[in-house]
Amino acid sequence: MINLVEFLNTISGETRLRILVLLFSRELCVCDLSSIMEESQPNISRCLAMLRNEGFIKNIRHGKFIFYYINI
């Protein structure tokens, strides 16, 4: 039950849910997500950190950019 509650708390935010939906189609960096979602980069970064800490997403560095993708 606790895992379900943690899962629902993590995806309950609109921004986090939108990020997950966008990442299902392709890898994106913070600047891409910020532009697409018209949200501030710090807000996107906080949401990505929460999703990464919960194991929903992973990241990989390409040059100076960090790209995020769904952890399937």
PDB file of N, CA and C in Angstrom:
ATOM      1  N   MET A   1       0.818  -1.196   0.000  1.00  0.00           N
ATOM      2  CA  MET A   1       0.000   0.000   0.000  1.00  0.00           C
ATOM      3  C   MET A   1       0.863   1.262   0.000  1.00  0.00           C
ATOM      4  N   ILE A   2       1.960   1.240   0.763  1.00  0.00           N
ATOM      5  CA  ILE A   2       2.828   2.412   0.822  1.00  0.00           C
ATOM      6  C   ILE A   2       3.427   2.692  -0.554  1.00  0.00           C
ATOM      7  N   ASN A   3       3.825   1.659  -1.287  1.00  0.00           N
ATOM      8  CA  ASN A   3       4.379   1.869  -2.622  1.00  0.00           C
ATOM      9  C   ASN A   3       3.371   2.539  -3.540  1.00  0.00           C
ATOM     10  N   LEU A   4       2.126   2.151  -3.441  1.00  0.00           N
ATOM     11  CA  LEU A   4       1.081   2.767  -4.263  1.00  0.00           C
ATOM     12  C   LEU A   4       0.908   4.233  -3.887  1.00  0.00           C
ATOM     13  N   VAL A   5       0.918   4.521  -2.597  1.00  0.00           N
ATOM     14  CA  VAL A   5       0.774   5.907  -2.144  1.00  0.00           C
ATOM     15  C   VAL A   5       1.952   6.742  -2.634  1.00  0.00           C
ATOM     16  N   GLU A   6       3.174   6.221  -2.518  1.00  0.00           N
ATOM     17  CA  GLU A   6       4.356   6.936  -2.996  1.00  0.00           C
ATOM     18  C   GLU A   6       4.275   7.164  -4.504  1.00  0.00           C
ATOM     19  N   PHE A   7       3.854   6.145  -5.231  1.00  0.00           N
ATOM     20  CA  PHE A   7       3.694   6.258  -6.684  1.00  0.00           C
ATOM     21  C   PHE A   7       2.714   7.371  -7.032  1.00  0.00           C
ATOM     22  N   LEU A   8       1.558   7.353  -6.394  1.00  0.00           N
ATOM     23  CA  LEU A   8       0.532   8.353  -6.691  1.00  0.00           C
ATOM     24  C   LEU A   8       0.971   9.755  -6.279  1.00  0.00           C
ATOM     25  N   ASN A   9       1.681   9.881  -5.160  1.00  0.00           N
ATOM     26  CA  ASN A   9       2.193  11.189  -4.747  1.00  0.00           C
ATOM     27  C   ASN A   9       3.186  11.734  -5.760  1.00  0.00           C
ATOM     28  N   THR A  10       4.011  10.867  -6.299  1.00  0.00           N
ATOM     29  CA  THR A  10       5.028  11.308  -7.252  1.00  0.00           C
ATOM     30  C   THR A  10       4.410  11.806  -8.544  1.00  0.00           C
ATOM     31  N   ILE A  11       3.441  11.106  -9.074  1.00  0.00           N
ATOM     32  CA  ILE A  11       2.859  11.517 -10.361  1.00  0.00           C
ATOM     33  C   ILE A  11       1.658  12.432 -10.210  1.00  0.00           C
ATOM     34  N   SER A  12       1.300  12.791  -8.978  1.00  0.00           N
ATOM     35  CA  SER A  12       0.089  13.601  -8.787  1.00  0.00           C
ATOM     36  C   SER A  12       0.261  15.042  -9.264  1.00  0.00           C
ATOM     37  N   GLY A  13       1.483  15.528  -9.323  1.00  0.00           N
ATOM     38  CA  GLY A  13       1.688  16.887  -9.807  1.00  0.00           C
ATOM     39  C   GLY A  13       1.506  16.964 -11.309  1.00  0.00           C
ATOM     40  N   GLU A  14       0.817  17.989 -11.762  1.00  0.00           N
ATOM     41  CA  GLU A  14       0.551  18.135 -13.193  1.00  0.00           C
ATOM     42  C   GLU A  14       1.849  18.206 -13.997  1.00  0.00           C
ATOM     43  N   THR A  15       2.824  18.956 -13.502  1.00  0.00           N
ATOM     44  CA  THR A  15       4.084  19.105 -14.224  1.00  0.00           C
ATOM     45  C   THR A  15       4.814  17.770 -14.329  1.00  0.00           C
ATOM     46  N   ARG A  16       4.865  17.019 -13.240  1.00  0.00           N
ATOM     47  CA  ARG A  16       5.545  15.714 -13.265  1.00  0.00           C
ATOM     48  C   ARG A  16       4.848  14.748 -14.214  1.00  0.00           C
ATOM     49  N   LEU A  17       3.540  14.754 -14.215  1.00  0.00           N
ATOM     50  CA  LEU A  17       2.785  13.879 -15.114  1.00  0.00           C
ATOM     51  C   LEU A  17       3.027  14.260 -16.568  1.00  0.00           C
ATOM     52  N   ARG A  18       3.036  15.555 -16.857  1.00  0.00           N
ATOM     53  CA  ARG A  18       3.302  16.010 -18.230  1.00  0.00           C
ATOM     54  C   ARG A  18       4.711  15.630 -18.672  1.00  0.00           C
ATOM     55  N   ILE A  19       5.672  15.736 -17.763  1.00  0.00           N
ATOM     56  CA  ILE A  19       7.048  15.337 -18.088  1.00  0.00           C
ATOM     57  C   ILE A  19       7.087  13.866 -18.468  1.00  0.00           C
ATOM     58  N   LEU A  20       6.443  13.032 -17.681  1.00  0.00           N
ATOM     59  CA  LEU A  20       6.432  11.597 -17.990  1.00  0.00           C
ATOM     60  C   LEU A  20       5.821  11.321 -19.360  1.00  0.00           C
ATOM     61  N   VAL A  21       4.728  11.990 -19.662  1.00  0.00           N
ATOM     62  CA  VAL A  21       4.075  11.805 -20.963  1.00  0.00           C
ATOM     63  C   VAL A  21       5.030  12.204 -22.090  1.00  0.00           C
ATOM     64  N   LEU A  22       5.704  13.334 -21.940  1.00  0.00           N
ATOM     65  CA  LEU A  22       6.643  13.792 -22.975  1.00  0.00           C
ATOM     66  C   LEU A  22       7.824  12.839 -23.121  1.00  0.00           C
ATOM     67  N   LEU A  23       8.314  12.309 -22.013  1.00  0.00           N
ATOM     68  CA  LEU A  23       9.480  11.423 -22.077  1.00  0.00           C
ATOM     69  C   LEU A  23       9.152  10.052 -22.648  1.00  0.00           C
ATOM     70  N   PHE A  24       7.880   9.702 -22.706  1.00  0.00           N
ATOM     71  CA  PHE A  24       7.514   8.429 -23.332  1.00  0.00           C
ATOM     72  C   PHE A  24       7.821   8.438 -24.821  1.00  0.00           C
ATOM     73  N   SER A  25       7.855   9.619 -25.431  1.00  0.00           N
ATOM     74  CA  SER A  25       8.091   9.679 -26.872  1.00  0.00           C
ATOM     75  C   SER A  25       9.567   9.791 -27.231  1.00  0.00           C
ATOM     76  N   ARG A  26      10.374  10.453 -26.363  1.00  0.00           N
ATOM     77  CA  ARG A  26      11.802  10.591 -26.674  1.00  0.00           C
ATOM     78  C   ARG A  26      12.560  11.182 -25.495  1.00  0.00           C
ATOM     79  N   GLU A  27      13.893  11.100 -25.558  1.00  0.00           N
ATOM     80  CA  GLU A  27      14.754  11.732 -24.561  1.00  0.00           C
ATOM     81  C   GLU A  27      14.670  13.240 -24.715  1.00  0.00           C
ATOM     82  N   LEU A  28      14.641  13.955 -23.588  1.00  0.00           N
ATOM     83  CA  LEU A  28      14.603  15.413 -23.620  1.00  0.00           C
ATOM     84  C   LEU A  28      15.488  15.971 -22.515  1.00  0.00           C
ATOM     85  N   CYS A  29      16.019  17.163 -22.742  1.00  0.00           N
ATOM     86  CA  CYS A  29      16.805  17.841 -21.713  1.00  0.00           C
ATOM     87  C   CYS A  29      15.914  18.875 -21.012  1.00  0.00           C
ATOM     88  N   VAL A  30      16.429  19.453 -19.942  1.00  0.00           N
ATOM     89  CA  VAL A  30      15.660  20.435 -19.178  1.00  0.00           C
ATOM     90  C   VAL A  30      15.231  21.598 -20.059  1.00  0.00           C
ATOM     91  N   CYS A  31      16.140  22.074 -20.903  1.00  0.00           N
ATOM     92  CA  CYS A  31      15.794  23.228 -21.747  1.00  0.00           C
ATOM     93  C   CYS A  31      14.668  22.881 -22.719  1.00  0.00           C
ATOM     94  N   ASP A  32      14.666  21.661 -23.263  1.00  0.00           N
ATOM     95  CA  ASP A  32      13.573  21.233 -24.147  1.00  0.00           C
ATOM     96  C   ASP A  32      12.249  21.190 -23.385  1.00  0.00           C
ATOM     97  N   LEU A  33      12.269  20.550 -22.221  1.00  0.00           N
ATOM     98  CA  LEU A  33      11.051  20.426 -21.422  1.00  0.00           C
ATOM     99  C   LEU A  33      10.528  21.796 -21.001  1.00  0.00           C
ATOM    100  N   SER A  34      11.426  22.664 -20.599  1.00  0.00           N
ATOM    101  CA  SER A  34      11.050  24.007 -20.174  1.00  0.00           C
ATOM    102  C   SER A  34      10.371  24.771 -21.311  1.00  0.00           C
ATOM    103  N   SER A  35      10.919  24.652 -22.504  1.00  0.00           N
ATOM    104  CA  SER A  35      10.366  25.334 -23.662  1.00  0.00           C
ATOM    105  C   SER A  35       9.003  24.764 -24.057  1.00  0.00           C
ATOM    106  N   ILE A  36       8.919  23.455 -24.139  1.00  0.00           N
ATOM    107  CA  ILE A  36       7.667  22.795 -24.538  1.00  0.00           C
ATOM    108  C   ILE A  36       6.550  23.093 -23.542  1.00  0.00           C
ATOM    109  N   MET A  37       6.885  23.019 -22.252  1.00  0.00           N
ATOM    110  CA  MET A  37       5.873  23.145 -21.207  1.00  0.00           C
ATOM    111  C   MET A  37       5.656  24.586 -20.740  1.00  0.00           C
ATOM    112  N   GLU A  38       6.506  25.493 -21.223  1.00  0.00           N
ATOM    113  CA  GLU A  38       6.443  26.891 -20.813  1.00  0.00           C
ATOM    114  C   GLU A  38       6.498  27.028 -19.290  1.00  0.00           C
ATOM    115  N   GLU A  39       7.456  26.321 -18.697  1.00  0.00           N
ATOM    116  CA  GLU A  39       7.698  26.331 -17.250  1.00  0.00           C
ATOM    117  C   GLU A  39       9.142  26.761 -17.027  1.00  0.00           C
ATOM    118  N   SER A  40       9.457  27.230 -15.835  1.00  0.00           N
ATOM    119  CA  SER A  40      10.831  27.645 -15.534  1.00  0.00           C
ATOM    120  C   SER A  40      11.747  26.425 -15.432  1.00  0.00           C
ATOM    121  N   GLN A  41      13.009  26.613 -15.795  1.00  0.00           N
ATOM    122  CA  GLN A  41      13.968  25.516 -15.714  1.00  0.00           C
ATOM    123  C   GLN A  41      14.150  25.006 -14.287  1.00  0.00           C
ATOM    124  N   PRO A  42      14.200  25.892 -13.271  1.00  0.00           N
ATOM    125  CA  PRO A  42      14.312  25.359 -11.898  1.00  0.00           C
ATOM    126  C   PRO A  42      13.130  24.471 -11.503  1.00  0.00           C
ATOM    127  N   ASN A  43      11.926  24.826 -11.922  1.00  0.00           N
ATOM    128  CA  ASN A  43      10.755  24.008 -11.612  1.00  0.00           C
ATOM    129  C   ASN A  43      10.848  22.653 -12.311  1.00  0.00           C
ATOM    130  N   ILE A  44      11.234  22.654 -13.566  1.00  0.00           N
ATOM    131  CA  ILE A  44      11.403  21.407 -14.316  1.00  0.00           C
ATOM    132  C   ILE A  44      12.474  20.552 -13.655  1.00  0.00           C
ATOM    133  N   SER A  45      13.581  21.168 -13.261  1.00  0.00           N
ATOM    134  CA  SER A  45      14.682  20.434 -12.624  1.00  0.00           C
ATOM    135  C   SER A  45      14.244  19.788 -11.317  1.00  0.00           C
ATOM    136  N   ARG A  46      13.460  20.500 -10.515  1.00  0.00           N
ATOM    137  CA  ARG A  46      12.960  19.920  -9.258  1.00  0.00           C
ATOM    138  C   ARG A  46      12.077  18.707  -9.534  1.00  0.00           C
ATOM    139  N   CYS A  47      11.203  18.825 -10.526  1.00  0.00           N
ATOM    140  CA  CYS A  47      10.315  17.712 -10.876  1.00  0.00           C
ATOM    141  C   CYS A  47      11.115  16.524 -11.401  1.00  0.00           C
ATOM    142  N   LEU A  48      12.117  16.795 -12.235  1.00  0.00           N
ATOM    143  CA  LEU A  48      12.965  15.718 -12.759  1.00  0.00           C
ATOM    144  C   LEU A  48      13.717  15.021 -11.634  1.00  0.00           C
ATOM    145  N   ALA A  49      14.203  15.784 -10.673  1.00  0.00           N
ATOM    146  CA  ALA A  49      14.920  15.190  -9.537  1.00  0.00           C
ATOM    147  C   ALA A  49      14.007  14.257  -8.753  1.00  0.00           C
ATOM    148  N   MET A  50      12.771  14.662  -8.542  1.00  0.00           N
ATOM    149  CA  MET A  50      11.830  13.812  -7.817  1.00  0.00           C
ATOM    150  C   MET A  50      11.540  12.535  -8.604  1.00  0.00           C
ATOM    151  N   LEU A  51      11.307  12.670  -9.894  1.00  0.00           N
ATOM    152  CA  LEU A  51      11.028  11.493 -10.730  1.00  0.00           C
ATOM    153  C   LEU A  51      12.239  10.561 -10.802  1.00  0.00           C
ATOM    154  N   ARG A  52      13.433  11.141 -10.865  1.00  0.00           N
ATOM    155  CA  ARG A  52      14.656  10.339 -10.915  1.00  0.00           C
ATOM    156  C   ARG A  52      14.876   9.617  -9.585  1.00  0.00           C
ATOM    157  N   ASN A  53      14.675  10.322  -8.468  1.00  0.00           N
ATOM    158  CA  ASN A  53      14.862   9.717  -7.143  1.00  0.00           C
ATOM    159  C   ASN A  53      13.884   8.577  -6.887  1.00  0.00           C
ATOM    160  N   GLU A  54      12.719   8.659  -7.466  1.00  0.00           N
ATOM    161  CA  GLU A  54      11.719   7.595  -7.311  1.00  0.00           C
ATOM    162  C   GLU A  54      11.896   6.473  -8.331  1.00  0.00           C
ATOM    163  N   GLY A  55      12.850   6.632  -9.261  1.00  0.00           N
ATOM    164  CA  GLY A  55      13.150   5.571 -10.217  1.00  0.00           C
ATOM    165  C   GLY A  55      12.316   5.583 -11.491  1.00  0.00           C
ATOM    166  N   PHE A  56      11.529   6.619 -11.706  1.00  0.00           N
ATOM    167  CA  PHE A  56      10.695   6.684 -12.905  1.00  0.00           C
ATOM    168  C   PHE A  56      11.512   7.007 -14.156  1.00  0.00           C
ATOM    169  N   ILE A  57      12.551   7.820 -13.988  1.00  0.00           N
ATOM    170  CA  ILE A  57      13.358   8.232 -15.132  1.00  0.00           C
ATOM    171  C   ILE A  57      14.847   8.054 -14.825  1.00  0.00           C
ATOM    172  N   LYS A  58      15.637   8.063 -15.877  1.00  0.00           N
ATOM    173  CA  LYS A  58      17.094   8.038 -15.785  1.00  0.00           C
ATOM    174  C   LYS A  58      17.625   9.159 -16.656  1.00  0.00           C
ATOM    175  N   ASN A  59      18.912   9.419 -16.536  1.00  0.00           N
ATOM    176  CA  ASN A  59      19.497  10.470 -17.356  1.00  0.00           C
ATOM    177  C   ASN A  59      20.838  10.027 -17.928  1.00  0.00           C
ATOM    178  N   ILE A  60      21.212  10.686 -19.012  1.00  0.00           N
ATOM    179  CA  ILE A  60      22.488  10.428 -19.674  1.00  0.00           C
ATOM    180  C   ILE A  60      23.026  11.772 -20.171  1.00  0.00           C
ATOM    181  N   ARG A  61      24.338  11.927 -20.079  1.00  0.00           N
ATOM    182  CA  ARG A  61      24.969  13.173 -20.513  1.00  0.00           C
ATOM    183  C   ARG A  61      25.419  13.045 -21.963  1.00  0.00           C
ATOM    184  N   HIS A  62      25.052  14.045 -22.758  1.00  0.00           N
ATOM    185  CA  HIS A  62      25.520  14.186 -24.142  1.00  0.00           C
ATOM    186  C   HIS A  62      26.170  15.559 -24.230  1.00  0.00           C
ATOM    187  N   GLY A  63      27.487  15.609 -24.177  1.00  0.00           N
ATOM    188  CA  GLY A  63      28.176  16.901 -24.186  1.00  0.00           C
ATOM    189  C   GLY A  63      27.850  17.676 -22.933  1.00  0.00           C
ATOM    190  N   LYS A  64      27.385  18.910 -23.094  1.00  0.00           N
ATOM    191  CA  LYS A  64      27.050  19.725 -21.925  1.00  0.00           C
ATOM    192  C   LYS A  64      25.597  19.565 -21.480  1.00  0.00           C
ATOM    193  N   PHE A  65      24.826  18.759 -22.173  1.00  0.00           N
ATOM    194  CA  PHE A  65      23.418  18.565 -21.846  1.00  0.00           C
ATOM    195  C   PHE A  65      23.189  17.227 -21.167  1.00  0.00           C
ATOM    196  N   ILE A  66      22.220  17.198 -20.271  1.00  0.00           N
ATOM    197  CA  ILE A  66      21.778  15.954 -19.627  1.00  0.00           C
ATOM    198  C   ILE A  66      20.387  15.666 -20.165  1.00  0.00           C
ATOM    199  N   PHE A  67      20.239  14.514 -20.772  1.00  0.00           N
ATOM    200  CA  PHE A  67      18.958  14.105 -21.334  1.00  0.00           C
ATOM    201  C   PHE A  67      18.293  13.087 -20.407  1.00  0.00           C
ATOM    202  N   TYR A  68      16.994  13.199 -20.292  1.00  0.00           N
ATOM    203  CA  TYR A  68      16.207  12.334 -19.415  1.00  0.00           C
ATOM    204  C   TYR A  68      15.340  11.407 -20.251  1.00  0.00           C
ATOM    205  N   TYR A  69      15.136  10.199 -19.737  1.00  0.00           N
ATOM    206  CA  TYR A  69      14.322   9.218 -20.434  1.00  0.00           C
ATOM    207  C   TYR A  69      13.616   8.316 -19.434  1.00  0.00           C
ATOM    208  N   ILE A  70      12.569   7.678 -19.872  1.00  0.00           N
ATOM    209  CA  ILE A  70      11.776   6.784 -19.028  1.00  0.00           C
ATOM    210  C   ILE A  70      12.608   5.550 -18.659  1.00  0.00           C
ATOM    211  N   ASN A  71      12.565   5.168 -17.413  1.00  0.00           N
ATOM    212  CA  ASN A  71      13.270   3.989 -16.917  1.00  0.00           C
ATOM    213  C   ASN A  71      12.357   2.771 -17.026  1.00  0.00           C
ATOM    214  N   ILE A  72      12.441   2.106 -18.186  1.00  0.00           N
ATOM    215  CA  ILE A  72      11.573   0.935 -18.426  1.00  0.00           C
ATOM    216  C   ILE A  72      12.376  -0.323 -18.217  1.00  0.00           C
TER     217      ILE A  72
END
